[in-house]
């Protein structure tokens, strides 16, 4: 296998690249510029680096022509932050996903594995399997859904194996500092009380190493094709997760539940039915508690630098 990775400096992408390097799989990464690759700095000497904007078709074409991969791991997406999810920039991602499939055909790529999102389903009240009706309520979710729908059809026409992993909530070292878990940890490590919603929603959190393993598992298993949910398969009340994090740091610290209003558009129940992916030979290996402890240690190092 010879892998070309978009979004390599991102949260999940950087862990995927690390695992590819550890497995000695020839890998090329596409990044905006090598100077900004904080998550990849210790891996750059072990991969081939191409710099440029992934939304520039000439950049993608040049990198694929030079590296000639047999597998593309499309993990890049612009505008993943909650404040950008209804911005029209989401449409750039759809166009790039389509162009990537067309270029894959031109350069003999046989497999594409890409990251989707639970946002494709829209609000649900129970666990979702891959047959659940999709009714996204953000432009982000709609663009992801369109990318999967068009990607499946284009790849079928061009005889390219296509795997679409609908990722639910993910956490761990390397996450964006503004994400709920690392920002909560940083606040508590500073001895401050975090202002919170009532936190009664149930979310499915998967540790990032398990997500990265699923991407590579999907790439190396030639019998996998189509849409797969990617999560822990276990929805936990957000309040319990917050209290667990607090207790691992200092159980006496106060928590400001109910001090801020709940976003009415925020999902109240995120739970992945992961039976289809588990049946293929992958399963989560890191417990929520173990992942929280590791993430706390990582944030401690980050804030001390």
Foldseek 3Di string as FASTA:
>chain_A
DAEEEEPCLAQLNVLLLVVCLVVVHAYEYEEQDPVPSPSCVVPPVSYHYQHNDLLDLVSLLVVCVVRLGQEYEYEDAPQPDPVRQAPPCNVSVLVSLLSNLVSCLVSNHAEYEYEAAPLQQAADDDADFPPHHGDHPTNNSVSRVSSQVVVQVSCVVSNHFYEYEHEFAEDFFRHDCPDDLNVLLVCVLVLHADAEELQQFWGFYAYSNLVSVLRVLQVVDPVDGGYFYDTQQDTDRRVVLSCLLNVVRPNPRDYNYRRDHDDPRDHRYYGYPGVVSVVSPGHGDADSNNRSVNRSVNSVVVVVD
